């Protein structure tokens, strides 16, 4: 754990646990593409290249699982340390949120993720 100059390690752990309880919801407008052997997530005009670990994380996001559940699944499936994986997943999802690839909702919220659009009706441009 990073040294916190305020001496509030317990507080930062509580913040991490509170954030870990949030449910992760995909932006349904994000397209996942494989181009030249690389996986790219594209939202509007912004593309984000992801490595196999981030692609595996992306595939686990279902609008039901919390940050903690995603980290636990990723750690189990890939043999990662659970605590380190939770920190990693939290940081990555924060970056995904900044790029508007995902959003978070409170686990107690009755709001549901919007249904994905009917992609058969959309024309894909190359």
Protein backbone atom coordinates (compact mmCIF):
# COMPACT_ATOMS: atom_id res chain seq x y z
CA UNK A 1 0.00 0.00 0.00
CA UNK A 2 1.27 3.50 -0.74
CA UNK A 3 2.49 5.60 2.13
CA UNK A 4 -0.14 8.15 3.02
CA UNK A 5 1.50 11.23 4.49
CA UNK A 6 -1.67 12.00 6.45
CA UNK A 7 -1.29 8.68 8.24
CA UNK A 8 -4.79 7.68 7.21
CA UNK A 9 -4.19 4.23 5.71
CA UNK A 10 -7.36 2.85 7.27
CA UNK A 11 -9.36 5.68 5.74
CA UNK A 12 -7.97 5.02 2.29
CA UNK A 13 -8.79 1.33 2.71
CA UNK A 14 -12.37 2.26 3.57
CA UNK A 15 -12.58 4.45 0.46
CA UNK A 16 -11.28 1.58 -1.67
CA UNK A 17 -13.85 -0.81 -0.17
CA UNK A 18 -16.67 1.69 -0.74
CA UNK A 19 -15.59 2.16 -4.35
CA UNK A 20 -15.24 -1.60 -4.75
CA UNK A 21 -18.93 -2.05 -3.93
CA UNK A 22 -20.04 0.05 -6.92
CA UNK A 23 -21.54 -1.79 -9.87
CA UNK A 24 -19.82 -1.25 -13.21
CA UNK A 25 -21.99 -0.53 -16.25
CA UNK A 26 -20.69 -0.46 -19.82
CA UNK A 27 -21.39 2.46 -22.09
CA UNK A 28 -23.52 0.66 -24.67
CA UNK A 29 -22.13 2.90 -27.41
CA UNK A 30 -18.62 1.50 -27.01
CA UNK A 31 -17.54 -0.77 -29.83
CA UNK A 32 -14.94 -3.49 -29.30
CA UNK A 33 -12.86 -4.20 -32.36
CA UNK A 34 -9.88 -6.40 -33.16
CA UNK A 35 -7.62 -4.64 -35.63
CA UNK A 36 -4.28 -6.03 -36.77
CA UNK A 37 -4.13 -8.36 -33.77
CA UNK A 38 -4.87 -5.55 -31.27
CA UNK A 39 -8.07 -5.03 -29.32
CA UNK A 40 -9.48 -1.51 -29.39
CA UNK A 41 -12.42 -0.03 -27.48
CA UNK A 42 -13.94 2.87 -29.38
CA UNK A 43 -16.35 5.45 -27.99
CA UNK A 44 -17.26 8.29 -30.33
CA UNK A 45 -13.96 9.67 -31.67
CA UNK A 46 -11.77 8.22 -28.91
CA UNK A 47 -10.08 4.83 -29.29
CA UNK A 48 -8.40 2.97 -26.44
CA UNK A 49 -6.09 0.05 -27.19
CA UNK A 50 -6.28 -2.63 -24.51
CA UNK A 51 -3.98 -5.51 -23.70
CA UNK A 52 -5.27 -9.06 -23.10
CA UNK A 53 -5.72 -8.46 -19.35
CA UNK A 54 -7.81 -5.33 -19.91
CA UNK A 55 -9.76 -7.10 -22.63
CA UNK A 56 -10.50 -9.91 -20.16
CA UNK A 57 -11.67 -7.31 -17.62
CA UNK A 58 -13.87 -5.65 -20.27
CA UNK A 59 -15.50 -8.99 -21.08
CA UNK A 60 -16.46 -9.45 -17.40
CA UNK A 61 -18.33 -6.13 -17.14
CA UNK A 62 -22.01 -6.99 -17.25
CA UNK A 63 -23.80 -4.20 -15.39
CA UNK A 64 -24.42 -6.51 -12.44
CA UNK A 65 -20.97 -7.21 -10.98
CA UNK A 66 -19.27 -4.81 -8.59
CA UNK A 67 -15.69 -3.61 -8.87
CA UNK A 68 -14.74 -6.09 -6.15
CA UNK A 69 -16.46 -8.99 -7.92
CA UNK A 70 -14.74 -8.13 -11.19
CA UNK A 71 -11.35 -8.00 -9.46
CA UNK A 72 -11.96 -11.32 -7.71
CA UNK A 73 -12.97 -13.02 -10.97
CA UNK A 74 -9.99 -11.61 -12.85
CA UNK A 75 -7.62 -12.65 -10.06
CA UNK A 76 -9.04 -16.17 -9.92
CA UNK A 77 -9.05 -16.75 -13.66
CA UNK A 78 -5.55 -15.37 -14.24
CA UNK A 79 -3.77 -16.29 -11.00
CA UNK A 80 -3.28 -12.71 -9.78
CA UNK A 81 -2.96 -11.64 -6.15
CA UNK A 82 -6.48 -10.66 -5.05
CA UNK A 83 -5.58 -7.46 -3.17
CA UNK A 84 -3.23 -6.20 -5.89
CA UNK A 85 -5.85 -7.04 -8.49
CA UNK A 86 -8.50 -5.00 -6.66
CA UNK A 87 -6.22 -1.95 -6.67
CA UNK A 88 -5.35 -2.51 -10.34
CA UNK A 89 -8.98 -3.00 -11.41
CA UNK A 90 -10.08 0.08 -9.45
CA UNK A 91 -7.45 2.21 -11.17
CA UNK A 92 -8.20 0.85 -14.64
CA UNK A 93 -11.94 1.32 -14.21
CA UNK A 94 -11.27 4.89 -13.11
CA UNK A 95 -9.45 5.45 -16.40
CA UNK A 96 -12.26 3.72 -18.32
CA UNK A 97 -14.72 6.06 -16.61
CA UNK A 98 -12.65 9.11 -17.59
CA UNK A 99 -12.76 7.92 -21.21
CA UNK A 100 -16.53 7.36 -20.87
CA UNK A 101 -16.28 3.66 -21.59
CA UNK A 102 -18.12 2.78 -18.37
CA UNK A 103 -20.07 4.34 -15.55
CA UNK A 104 -20.70 3.31 -11.97
CA UNK A 105 -23.91 2.99 -10.05
CA UNK A 106 -24.61 2.42 -6.40
CA UNK A 107 -25.30 -1.25 -5.62
CA UNK A 108 -28.48 -0.26 -3.77
CA UNK A 109 -29.76 1.75 -6.71
CA UNK A 110 -32.90 0.46 -8.36
CA UNK A 111 -31.76 2.01 -11.64
CA UNK A 112 -30.92 -0.52 -14.28
CA UNK A 113 -28.42 -0.18 -17.08
CA UNK A 114 -30.08 0.93 -20.30
CA UNK A 115 -30.62 -1.89 -22.77
CA UNK A 116 -28.13 -2.01 -25.62
CA UNK A 117 -29.36 -0.66 -28.93
CA UNK A 118 -30.37 -3.05 -31.66
CA UNK A 119 -27.05 -3.23 -33.48
CA UNK A 120 -28.62 -5.00 -36.43
CA UNK A 121 -30.31 -1.73 -37.30
CA UNK A 122 -27.07 0.29 -37.26
CA UNK A 123 -24.74 0.54 -40.21
CA UNK A 124 -21.11 -0.04 -39.40
CA UNK A 125 -18.56 2.11 -41.17
CA UNK A 126 -15.06 0.82 -41.75
